[in-house]
Amino acid sequence: MEHNEIDELRRKGVLGIAVAGWGASLTLAALVPAMGAQALHALMVSVLLNIVPSLSAWQRRYDSPARIAVALMAALQPALLLYAMRDAAWQLDMHMYFFVAIAMLTILCDVRPILVAAAAVAIHHLTLSFAAPSWVFSGGGGVNRVLIHALAVVLEAGVLCYIATTLNSLISRLGNAVMQSEEAARGAEEALRLAETERAERGRLEDRQAERRREDMLRIAHEFESSVSEVTRAVASSAQALDEAMSSLDDTARDTGQQADEVAAAASQVSSSIDIVANRVTELSRSIGNIAVTAGRQDELASVAGARTDSGGKAVKSLADQSKTIGDATRSIANIAEMTNLLALNATIEAATAGDAGKGFAVVAQEVKELAAQAARATRQIEELLSGISEGTGEAESSFGELSGAIAELAQSAMTVRSDVDTQRSATSSIEHTVGDTAAGTEEMARRSAVLAERAGTTQKLSGDARQNVKALLETIHSLEQSASTFAANIRAA
């Protein structure tokens, strides 16, 4: 690179000095009218001197021979001016162009042309000072004058050689710096190109990663929507079964209440009959027929009460079985709520890993988690209600057992009355005692029937509360389905 800079400067120097040579020829041509033949002779020699440098400049040569030819031409053109101006007042002034010519050679960045030109000037002055002094100095000047001019030329040549050497070194360093800067620029361009390539590759990689994340989010949304749909279907099915069980429980409780009312009415009727028997014990002997009829009626009522008691016992047992079924369904709902809560937790984790794109996912996952918590609370309330129902049915079953015993005892008493009709006159005291026991049993049966009716009413109320909770659970499930659908739509839109 440095050689290119120096060579370009030398090429321009050869061209410039060649042009300056033709300028000297034009000057000599201008002196021909005034100076006559000597100017014409100088002009012809000047043109001859310009031929070789002009050819070198035309051929764009700047090698060492071309530089030496240019140096000789530059040193001899002022000598021709001296010759053309001999015996003129300005001849001495033409010596200044020797210094100008030697100074121009500095542009060649070579000490050899400067030394050749300085030597040519010295030889010209020394030779002509002896052979033709008037060609150098007007009126002659002697060797001393030539030596003074030669010293000036030597000093100038020395300074110009130093300048040319320094200029060559500076241009070389400058060329190296330019080459290094160009290499650095090429390296920077290569680095920039690599950076652009890397940026493009990174962009493509980021696009692929974004597409992969979108596919993952769509897959997660699909799986989440499917899981939530399965959970909601299972919960809805369980809730529907629970609602049907509650409805059956409500009907059973209503039937149990009605049967308890009928048993209480029957017990009241039996009690009235026993009161009639007690009031007419003193007339027992005269009303054997009436006692027999009353005993038969008592037997029928005991049979009816037994049948009603068996039906009530079966209803209570069915109520207990339904309560167990409801408990199983409630536990299924609790398990589903736990699964929903776990699914919401997983969805929250997935949303956290997705960054900004998963914020909507995290909000919906939190709503799903709250809905699962509501479902869990609803199942706990249902379990509490079922616990109350279970206790009530247990007490009702126990009451029906005691009532069956009382009715069996009443039936046995009625049979005793029927079998001892013939001996009632002699067993009046025994009949009074039996009537007292029967009255007590009837009162106990009425009391237990009232308790059973109260338990049936409580069971019916608890069943109604459970059905309300089931409705709330169904609404929660519907809200969960809507939230899941909205969440999946938001992910697909993103």
Protein backbone atom coordinates (compact mmCIF):
# COMPACT_ATOMS: atom_id res chain seq x y z
CA MET A 1 0.00 0.00 0.00
CA GLU A 2 2.85 2.37 0.91
CA HIS A 3 4.51 1.72 -2.47
CA ASN A 4 1.29 2.62 -4.24
CA GLU A 5 1.17 6.00 -2.46
CA ILE A 6 4.83 6.81 -3.15
CA ASP A 7 4.62 5.57 -6.74
CA GLU A 8 1.51 7.69 -7.34
CA LEU A 9 3.35 10.74 -5.94
CA ARG A 10 6.39 10.01 -8.16
CA ARG A 11 4.16 9.55 -11.20
CA LYS A 12 2.57 12.92 -10.56
CA GLY A 13 6.04 14.42 -9.92
CA VAL A 14 7.36 13.18 -13.28
CA LEU A 15 4.29 14.60 -15.01
CA GLY A 16 4.54 17.94 -13.19
CA ILE A 17 8.27 18.38 -13.85
CA ALA A 18 7.73 17.48 -17.53
CA VAL A 19 5.06 20.16 -17.74
CA ALA A 20 7.44 22.61 -16.01
CA GLY A 21 10.08 21.75 -18.68
CA TRP A 22 7.65 22.76 -21.43
CA GLY A 23 6.98 25.92 -19.44
CA ALA A 24 10.69 26.69 -19.61
CA SER A 25 10.60 26.06 -23.39
CA LEU A 26 7.70 28.52 -23.74
CA THR A 27 9.69 31.06 -21.76
CA LEU A 28 12.66 30.64 -24.09
CA ALA A 29 10.32 31.00 -27.07
CA ALA A 30 9.13 34.28 -25.63
CA LEU A 31 12.78 35.47 -25.32
CA VAL A 32 13.63 34.76 -28.99
CA PRO A 33 12.43 38.15 -30.31
CA ALA A 34 14.46 40.02 -27.71
CA MET A 35 17.57 37.87 -27.41
CA GLY A 36 17.86 36.67 -30.95
CA ALA A 37 19.74 33.55 -32.06
CA GLN A 38 21.06 32.59 -28.63
CA ALA A 39 17.47 32.30 -27.30
CA LEU A 40 16.51 30.28 -30.38
CA HIS A 41 19.40 27.91 -29.86
CA ALA A 42 18.48 27.53 -26.21
CA LEU A 43 14.86 26.86 -27.23
CA MET A 44 15.84 24.03 -29.55
CA VAL A 45 17.99 22.39 -26.86
CA SER A 46 15.15 22.83 -24.34
CA VAL A 47 12.72 21.03 -26.63
CA LEU A 48 15.19 18.18 -27.05
CA LEU A 49 15.61 17.95 -23.27
CA ASN A 50 11.81 17.70 -22.83
CA ILE A 51 11.37 14.72 -25.15
CA VAL A 52 12.51 11.93 -22.77
CA PRO A 53 10.66 13.26 -19.66
CA SER A 54 7.52 13.83 -21.75
CA LEU A 55 7.65 10.26 -23.07
CA SER A 56 8.09 8.95 -19.54
CA ALA A 57 5.10 11.03 -18.33
CA TRP A 58 3.04 9.87 -21.34
CA GLN A 59 3.92 6.24 -20.61
CA ARG A 60 3.16 6.82 -16.91
CA ARG A 61 6.68 5.74 -16.05
CA TYR A 62 8.23 6.76 -12.76
CA ASP A 63 11.05 4.24 -12.47
CA SER A 64 14.66 5.23 -11.66
CA PRO A 65 15.74 6.00 -15.29
CA ALA A 66 12.67 8.18 -15.76
CA ARG A 67 13.40 10.03 -12.51
CA ILE A 68 17.06 10.58 -13.49
CA ALA A 69 16.03 11.88 -16.95
CA VAL A 70 13.58 14.29 -15.33
CA ALA A 71 16.28 15.43 -12.87
CA LEU A 72 18.77 16.16 -15.68
CA MET A 73 16.14 18.07 -17.65
CA ALA A 74 15.21 20.12 -14.56
CA ALA A 75 18.90 20.95 -13.84
CA LEU A 76 19.72 21.95 -17.47
CA GLN A 77 16.66 24.11 -18.24
CA PRO A 78 17.94 27.00 -16.00
CA ALA A 79 21.35 26.66 -17.74
CA LEU A 80 19.59 27.31 -21.05
CA LEU A 81 17.96 30.39 -19.53
CA LEU A 82 21.44 31.59 -18.52
CA TYR A 83 22.67 31.03 -22.05
CA ALA A 84 19.68 32.78 -23.61
CA MET A 85 20.12 35.79 -21.23
CA ARG A 86 23.94 36.16 -21.48
CA ASP A 87 25.23 39.64 -21.36
CA ALA A 88 21.75 40.77 -20.18
CA ALA A 89 21.09 42.53 -16.90
CA TRP A 90 18.83 39.69 -15.61
CA GLN A 91 21.24 36.85 -16.39
CA LEU A 92 22.33 36.60 -12.78
CA ASP A 93 18.71 36.33 -11.63
CA MET A 94 18.24 33.20 -13.75
CA HIS A 95 20.46 31.34 -11.26
CA MET A 96 17.51 31.24 -8.88
CA TYR A 97 15.79 28.70 -11.11
CA PHE A 98 18.55 26.18 -10.40
CA PHE A 99 17.32 26.14 -6.80
CA VAL A 100 13.73 25.95 -7.99
CA ALA A 101 14.51 23.01 -10.27
CA ILE A 102 16.36 21.11 -7.54
CA ALA A 103 13.54 21.82 -5.05
CA MET A 104 10.95 20.42 -7.49
CA LEU A 105 12.77 17.08 -7.44
CA THR A 106 11.77 16.59 -3.80
CA ILE A 107 8.35 15.39 -5.00
CA LEU A 108 10.06 12.27 -6.42
CA CYS A 109 10.86 11.12 -2.84
CA ASP A 110 14.30 9.98 -4.00
CA VAL A 111 17.74 11.41 -3.15
CA ARG A 112 19.31 10.20 -6.39
CA PRO A 113 17.58 12.69 -8.74
CA ILE A 114 18.48 15.50 -6.30
CA LEU A 115 22.13 14.44 -6.18
CA VAL A 116 22.24 14.02 -10.00
CA ALA A 117 20.74 17.48 -10.51
CA ALA A 118 23.09 19.07 -7.96
CA ALA A 119 26.08 17.40 -9.61
CA ALA A 120 24.91 18.51 -13.05
CA VAL A 121 24.62 22.10 -11.84
CA ALA A 122 28.06 21.97 -10.22
CA ILE A 123 29.66 20.46 -13.32
CA HIS A 124 27.87 23.04 -15.50
CA HIS A 125 29.19 25.94 -13.45
CA LEU A 126 32.73 24.65 -13.07
CA THR A 127 33.09 23.66 -16.73
CA LEU A 128 31.64 26.86 -18.16
CA SER A 129 33.57 29.05 -15.71
CA PHE A 130 36.67 28.04 -17.61
CA ALA A 131 35.27 27.36 -21.09
CA ALA A 132 32.62 30.11 -21.46
CA PRO A 133 32.30 32.26 -18.29
CA SER A 134 29.77 34.57 -19.95
CA TRP A 135 27.33 31.70 -20.23
CA VAL A 136 27.25 31.52 -16.42
CA PHE A 137 27.82 35.04 -15.12
CA SER A 138 27.52 38.27 -17.02
CA GLY A 139 31.02 39.70 -17.41
CA GLY A 140 32.52 36.53 -15.84
CA GLY A 141 32.83 35.80 -12.13
CA GLY A 142 35.72 33.51 -11.58
CA VAL A 143 36.06 30.30 -9.67
CA ASN A 144 35.29 31.92 -6.32
CA ARG A 145 31.83 32.97 -7.45
CA VAL A 146 31.19 29.48 -8.83
CA LEU A 147 32.25 27.95 -5.52
CA ILE A 148 29.84 30.18 -3.62
CA HIS A 149 26.97 29.08 -5.85
CA ALA A 150 28.10 25.47 -5.65
CA LEU A 151 28.09 25.65 -1.83
CA ALA A 152 24.54 26.98 -1.92
CA VAL A 153 23.54 24.14 -4.24
CA VAL A 154 25.21 21.57 -1.99
CA LEU A 155 23.45 22.94 1.11
CA GLU A 156 20.12 22.98 -0.68
CA ALA A 157 20.67 19.47 -2.01
CA GLY A 158 21.53 18.23 1.49
CA VAL A 159 18.39 19.75 2.96
CA LEU A 160 16.27 18.48 0.10
CA CYS A 161 17.73 14.98 0.39
CA TYR A 162 16.81 14.96 4.10
CA ILE A 163 13.32 16.21 3.22
CA ALA A 164 12.92 13.60 0.47
CA THR A 165 14.09 10.81 2.80
CA THR A 166 11.80 11.99 5.58
CA LEU A 167 8.93 12.38 3.15
CA ASN A 168 9.51 8.86 1.86
CA SER A 169 9.53 7.50 5.42
CA LEU A 170 6.42 9.46 6.40
CA ILE A 171 4.52 8.36 3.32
CA SER A 172 5.60 4.76 3.97
CA ARG A 173 4.36 4.94 7.56
CA LEU A 174 1.24 6.69 6.37
CA GLY A 175 0.75 3.97 3.79
CA ASN A 176 1.22 1.32 6.46
CA ALA A 177 -1.27 3.11 8.70
CA VAL A 178 -3.72 3.39 5.83
CA MET A 179 -3.20 -0.28 5.00
CA GLN A 180 -3.73 -1.22 8.63
CA SER A 181 -6.81 0.96 8.80
CA GLU A 182 -8.09 -0.59 5.59
CA GLU A 183 -7.37 -4.04 7.00
CA ALA A 184 -9.11 -2.99 10.21
CA ALA A 185 -11.98 -1.65 8.13
CA ARG A 186 -12.14 -4.92 6.23
CA GLY A 187 -12.02 -6.76 9.54
CA ALA A 188 -14.76 -4.50 10.87
CA GLU A 189 -16.80 -5.09 7.74
CA GLU A 190 -16.26 -8.84 8.11
CA ALA A 191 -17.18 -8.63 11.79
CA LEU A 192 -20.23 -6.56 10.85
CA ARG A 193 -21.16 -9.09 8.22
CA LEU A 194 -20.71 -11.91 10.72
CA ALA A 195 -22.73 -9.93 13.25
CA GLU A 196 -25.49 -9.41 10.71
CA THR A 197 -25.39 -13.10 9.87
CA GLU A 198 -25.46 -13.99 13.54
CA ARG A 199 -28.29 -11.49 14.13
CA ALA A 200 -30.25 -12.99 11.25
CA GLU A 201 -29.58 -16.50 12.54
CA ARG A 202 -30.55 -15.42 16.04
CA GLY A 203 -33.70 -13.86 14.62
CA ARG A 204 -34.57 -17.09 12.84
CA LEU A 205 -33.80 -19.04 16.02
CA GLU A 206 -35.99 -16.69 18.05
CA ASP A 207 -38.76 -17.05 15.46
CA ARG A 208 -38.51 -20.83 15.69
CA GLN A 209 -38.49 -20.65 19.48
CA ALA A 210 -41.50 -18.31 19.42
CA GLU A 211 -43.31 -20.68 17.07
CA ARG A 212 -42.38 -23.61 19.31
CA ARG A 213 -43.61 -21.71 22.38
CA ARG A 214 -46.84 -20.89 20.58
CA GLU A 215 -47.30 -24.55 19.67
CA ASP A 216 -46.58 -25.51 23.28
CA MET A 217 -49.05 -22.92 24.54
CA LEU A 218 -51.70 -24.15 22.10
CA ARG A 219 -51.03 -27.73 23.19
CA ILE A 220 -51.22 -26.72 26.85
CA ALA A 221 -54.44 -24.79 26.17
CA HIS A 222 -55.94 -27.80 24.40
CA GLU A 223 -54.87 -30.17 27.17
CA PHE A 224 -56.08 -27.75 29.83
CA GLU A 225 -59.43 -27.27 28.09
CA SER A 226 -59.79 -31.05 27.68
CA SER A 227 -58.87 -31.68 31.32
CA VAL A 228 -61.23 -29.00 32.57
CA SER A 229 -63.99 -30.35 30.32
CA GLU A 230 -63.46 -33.85 31.68
CA VAL A 231 -63.39 -32.55 35.25
CA THR A 232 -66.51 -30.43 34.75
CA ARG A 233 -68.32 -33.33 33.10
CA ALA A 234 -67.40 -35.61 35.97
CA VAL A 235 -68.38 -33.00 38.56
CA ALA A 236 -71.60 -32.21 36.70
CA SER A 237 -72.43 -35.93 36.52
CA SER A 238 -71.73 -36.34 40.22
CA ALA A 239 -73.69 -33.20 41.02
CA GLN A 240 -76.60 -34.47 38.92
CA ALA A 241 -76.47 -37.81 40.75
CA LEU A 242 -76.32 -35.93 44.04
CA ASP A 243 -79.30 -33.80 43.03
CA GLU A 244 -81.27 -36.92 42.13
CA ALA A 245 -80.26 -38.51 45.45
CA MET A 246 -81.33 -35.35 47.28
CA SER A 247 -84.63 -35.41 45.42
CA SER A 248 -85.12 -39.06 46.40
CA LEU A 249 -84.14 -38.20 49.95
CA ASP A 250 -86.64 -35.35 49.96
CA ASP A 251 -89.41 -37.66 48.76
CA THR A 252 -88.42 -40.31 51.32
CA ALA A 253 -88.37 -37.74 54.12
CA ARG A 254 -91.78 -36.47 53.00
CA ASP A 255 -93.20 -40.03 52.94
CA THR A 256 -91.62 -40.74 56.32
CA GLY A 257 -93.24 -37.63 57.77
CA GLN A 258 -96.61 -38.62 56.39
CA GLN A 259 -96.24 -42.15 57.72
CA ALA A 260 -95.17 -40.82 61.10
CA ASP A 261 -98.25 -38.60 61.14
CA GLU A 262 -100.43 -41.62 60.29
CA VAL A 263 -98.73 -43.66 63.03
CA ALA A 264 -99.32 -40.82 65.48
CA ALA A 265 -102.96 -40.66 64.41
CA ALA A 266 -103.26 -44.42 64.83
CA ALA A 267 -101.62 -44.22 68.23
CA SER A 268 -104.00 -41.45 69.24
CA GLN A 269 -106.92 -43.56 68.10
CA VAL A 270 -105.60 -46.56 70.07
CA SER A 271 -105.20 -44.32 73.09
CA SER A 272 -108.82 -43.21 72.77
CA SER A 273 -109.93 -46.80 72.53
CA ILE A 274 -107.94 -47.73 75.62
CA ASP A 275 -109.49 -44.82 77.51
CA ILE A 276 -112.92 -46.16 76.58
CA VAL A 277 -111.87 -49.61 77.81
CA ALA A 278 -110.57 -48.11 81.06
CA ASN A 279 -113.74 -46.13 81.66
CA ARG A 280 -115.89 -49.15 81.13
CA VAL A 281 -113.89 -51.71 83.09
CA THR A 282 -116.58 -51.64 85.81
CA GLU A 283 -119.13 -52.52 83.22
CA LEU A 284 -116.92 -55.23 81.71
CA SER A 285 -119.23 -58.03 82.56
CA ARG A 286 -122.16 -56.37 80.85
CA SER A 287 -120.20 -55.33 77.76
CA ILE A 288 -118.24 -58.45 76.86
CA GLY A 289 -119.36 -58.03 73.30
CA ASN A 290 -118.22 -54.44 73.22
CA ILE A 291 -114.87 -55.45 74.76
CA ALA A 292 -114.45 -58.14 72.14
CA VAL A 293 -115.16 -55.61 69.42
CA THR A 294 -112.77 -53.14 71.00
CA ALA A 295 -110.09 -55.85 71.33
CA GLY A 296 -110.55 -56.72 67.63
CA ARG A 297 -110.29 -53.07 66.72
CA GLN A 298 -107.18 -52.79 68.82
CA ASP A 299 -105.68 -55.80 67.01
CA GLU A 300 -106.43 -54.19 63.61
CA LEU A 301 -104.94 -50.90 64.67
CA ALA A 302 -101.86 -52.69 65.98
CA SER A 303 -101.54 -54.46 62.63
CA VAL A 304 -101.88 -51.14 60.80
CA ALA A 305 -99.35 -49.54 63.14
CA GLY A 306 -96.98 -52.49 62.60
CA ALA A 307 -97.32 -52.20 58.85
CA ARG A 308 -96.76 -48.45 59.02
CA THR A 309 -93.81 -48.97 61.32
CA ASP A 310 -92.24 -51.50 58.93
CA SER A 311 -92.79 -49.10 56.02
CA GLY A 312 -91.25 -46.26 58.03
CA GLY A 313 -88.29 -48.46 58.96
CA LYS A 314 -87.74 -49.33 55.31
CA ALA A 315 -87.98 -45.65 54.35
CA VAL A 316 -85.46 -44.71 57.02
CA LYS A 317 -83.13 -47.51 55.86
CA SER A 318 -83.50 -46.27 52.27
CA LEU A 319 -82.74 -42.76 53.54
CA ALA A 320 -79.55 -44.07 55.22
CA ASP A 321 -78.51 -45.84 51.99
CA GLN A 322 -79.15 -42.66 49.97
CA SER A 323 -77.08 -40.73 52.51
CA LYS A 324 -74.17 -43.14 51.94
CA THR A 325 -74.55 -42.76 48.15
CA ILE A 326 -74.55 -38.99 48.54
CA GLY A 327 -71.46 -39.26 50.75
CA ASP A 328 -69.66 -41.25 48.04
CA ALA A 329 -70.64 -38.68 45.41
CA THR A 330 -69.50 -35.87 47.70
CA ARG A 331 -66.11 -37.52 48.19
CA SER A 332 -65.84 -37.90 44.39
CA ILE A 333 -66.54 -34.18 44.05
CA ALA A 334 -63.88 -33.44 46.68
CA ASN A 335 -61.36 -35.56 44.77
CA ILE A 336 -62.27 -33.78 41.55
CA ALA A 337 -61.85 -30.42 43.31
CA GLU A 338 -58.39 -31.50 44.44
CA MET A 339 -57.55 -32.58 40.88
CA THR A 340 -58.82 -29.20 39.60
CA ASN A 341 -56.70 -27.40 42.19
CA LEU A 342 -53.64 -29.42 41.15
CA LEU A 343 -54.39 -28.69 37.48
CA ALA A 344 -54.65 -24.97 38.28
CA LEU A 345 -51.30 -25.14 40.09
CA ASN A 346 -49.68 -26.79 37.05
CA ALA A 347 -51.25 -24.18 34.79
CA THR A 348 -49.84 -21.42 37.04
CA ILE A 349 -46.35 -22.97 36.77
CA GLU A 350 -46.66 -23.20 32.97
CA ALA A 351 -47.80 -19.57 32.84
CA ALA A 352 -44.80 -18.50 34.94
CA THR A 353 -42.39 -20.20 32.52
CA ALA A 354 -44.14 -18.56 29.50
CA GLY A 355 -43.28 -15.03 30.66
CA ASP A 356 -45.45 -12.13 29.43
CA ALA A 357 -47.41 -14.41 27.08
CA GLY A 358 -48.61 -16.47 30.09
CA LYS A 359 -50.01 -13.60 32.27
CA GLY A 360 -53.59 -14.17 31.04
CA PHE A 361 -53.05 -17.88 31.57
CA ALA A 362 -52.00 -17.24 35.22
CA VAL A 363 -55.13 -15.11 35.88
CA VAL A 364 -57.44 -17.82 34.53
CA ALA A 365 -55.50 -20.49 36.43
CA GLN A 366 -56.05 -18.46 39.64
CA GLU A 367 -59.79 -18.28 38.87
CA VAL A 368 -59.82 -22.04 38.29
CA LYS A 369 -58.07 -22.51 41.63
CA GLU A 370 -60.69 -20.33 43.40
CA LEU A 371 -63.51 -22.24 41.71
CA ALA A 372 -61.91 -25.51 42.88
CA ALA A 373 -61.74 -24.08 46.41
CA GLN A 374 -65.46 -23.14 46.18
CA ALA A 375 -66.26 -26.67 45.04
CA ALA A 376 -64.27 -28.06 47.99
CA ARG A 377 -66.16 -25.80 50.43
CA ALA A 378 -69.48 -26.87 48.90
CA THR A 379 -68.55 -30.55 49.31
CA ARG A 380 -67.61 -29.93 52.95
CA GLN A 381 -71.01 -28.28 53.55
CA ILE A 382 -72.72 -31.25 51.90
CA GLU A 383 -70.74 -33.64 54.08
CA GLU A 384 -71.83 -31.71 57.18
CA LEU A 385 -75.45 -31.89 55.99
CA LEU A 386 -75.08 -35.61 55.30
CA SER A 387 -73.60 -36.09 58.77
CA GLY A 388 -76.73 -34.49 60.24
CA ILE A 389 -78.94 -36.64 58.01
CA SER A 390 -77.04 -39.77 59.04
CA GLU A 391 -77.52 -38.96 62.73
CA GLY A 392 -81.23 -38.25 62.16
CA THR A 393 -81.78 -41.48 60.22
CA GLY A 394 -79.95 -43.41 62.96
CA GLU A 395 -82.19 -41.98 65.62
CA ALA A 396 -85.25 -42.52 63.40
CA GLU A 397 -84.26 -46.14 62.84
CA SER A 398 -83.80 -46.62 66.58
CA SER A 399 -87.18 -44.98 67.20
CA PHE A 400 -88.83 -47.27 64.65
CA GLY A 401 -87.26 -50.26 66.39
CA GLU A 402 -88.64 -49.16 69.74
CA LEU A 403 -91.99 -48.36 68.10
CA SER A 404 -92.11 -51.84 66.58
CA GLY A 405 -91.52 -53.30 70.02
CA ALA A 406 -94.32 -51.20 71.49
CA ILE A 407 -96.69 -52.22 68.69
CA ALA A 408 -95.75 -55.88 69.13
CA GLU A 409 -96.46 -55.52 72.81
CA LEU A 410 -99.77 -53.85 71.99
CA ALA A 411 -100.68 -56.68 69.65
CA GLN A 412 -99.79 -59.22 72.31
CA SER A 413 -101.99 -57.35 74.75
CA ALA A 414 -104.86 -57.34 72.28
CA MET A 415 -104.50 -61.09 71.77
CA THR A 416 -104.47 -61.58 75.52
CA VAL A 417 -107.67 -59.53 75.76
CA ARG A 418 -109.27 -61.61 73.00
CA SER A 419 -108.21 -64.95 74.55
CA ASP A 420 -109.35 -63.98 78.02
CA VAL A 421 -112.69 -62.52 77.06
CA ASP A 422 -114.43 -65.49 78.76
CA THR A 423 -112.54 -64.88 82.00
CA GLN A 424 -112.66 -61.10 82.09
CA ARG A 425 -115.03 -60.97 84.99
CA SER A 426 -112.53 -62.76 87.18
CA ALA A 427 -109.52 -60.87 85.70
CA THR A 428 -110.77 -57.27 85.95
CA SER A 429 -107.73 -56.16 87.93
CA SER A 430 -105.47 -57.80 85.37
CA ILE A 431 -107.34 -56.07 82.57
CA GLU A 432 -106.95 -52.67 84.29
CA HIS A 433 -103.23 -53.28 84.63
CA THR A 434 -103.00 -54.30 80.97
CA VAL A 435 -105.01 -51.26 79.91
CA GLY A 436 -102.60 -49.02 81.86
CA ASP A 437 -99.62 -50.60 80.15
CA THR A 438 -101.31 -50.30 76.80
CA ALA A 439 -102.02 -46.63 77.44
CA ALA A 440 -98.40 -46.01 78.39
CA GLY A 441 -97.20 -47.87 75.29
CA THR A 442 -99.60 -45.92 73.14
CA GLU A 443 -98.38 -42.63 74.60
CA GLU A 444 -94.80 -43.72 74.01
CA MET A 445 -95.70 -44.68 70.43
CA ALA A 446 -97.31 -41.28 69.89
CA ARG A 447 -94.27 -39.51 71.34
CA ARG A 448 -91.87 -41.47 69.18
CA SER A 449 -94.09 -40.88 66.15
CA ALA A 450 -93.91 -37.15 66.84
CA VAL A 451 -90.11 -37.36 67.15
CA LEU A 452 -89.99 -39.30 63.90
CA ALA A 453 -92.12 -36.66 62.18
CA GLU A 454 -89.80 -33.95 63.52
CA ARG A 455 -86.73 -35.88 62.27
CA ALA A 456 -88.37 -36.32 58.87
CA GLY A 457 -88.98 -32.56 58.69
CA THR A 458 -85.34 -31.90 59.61
CA THR A 459 -84.23 -34.40 56.98
CA GLN A 460 -86.40 -32.68 54.38
CA LYS A 461 -84.90 -29.28 55.30
CA LEU A 462 -81.36 -30.66 55.10
CA SER A 463 -82.22 -32.21 51.74
CA GLY A 464 -83.44 -28.83 50.49
CA ASP A 465 -80.18 -27.17 51.67
CA ALA A 466 -78.18 -29.89 49.96
CA ARG A 467 -80.06 -29.33 46.71
CA GLN A 468 -79.32 -25.59 46.94
CA ASN A 469 -75.63 -26.39 47.39
CA VAL A 470 -75.79 -28.74 44.40
CA LYS A 471 -77.28 -25.91 42.31
CA ALA A 472 -74.48 -23.59 43.45
CA LEU A 473 -71.96 -26.30 42.53
CA LEU A 474 -73.49 -26.63 39.05
CA GLU A 475 -73.26 -22.85 38.59
CA THR A 476 -69.60 -22.99 39.69
CA ILE A 477 -68.95 -25.77 37.18
CA HIS A 478 -70.56 -23.70 34.42
CA SER A 479 -68.41 -20.70 35.39
CA LEU A 480 -65.35 -22.96 35.34
CA GLU A 481 -66.20 -24.14 31.81
CA GLN A 482 -66.61 -20.53 30.62
CA SER A 483 -63.30 -19.49 32.22
CA ALA A 484 -61.49 -22.45 30.64
CA SER A 485 -62.97 -21.65 27.21
CA THR A 486 -62.00 -17.96 27.56
CA PHE A 487 -58.49 -18.94 28.66
CA ALA A 488 -58.01 -21.32 25.71
CA ALA A 489 -59.34 -18.69 23.28
CA ASN A 490 -56.92 -16.08 24.69
CA ILE A 491 -53.97 -18.45 24.26
CA ARG A 492 -54.96 -19.29 20.67
CA ALA A 493 -55.38 -15.57 19.92
CA ALA A 494 -51.94 -14.86 21.39
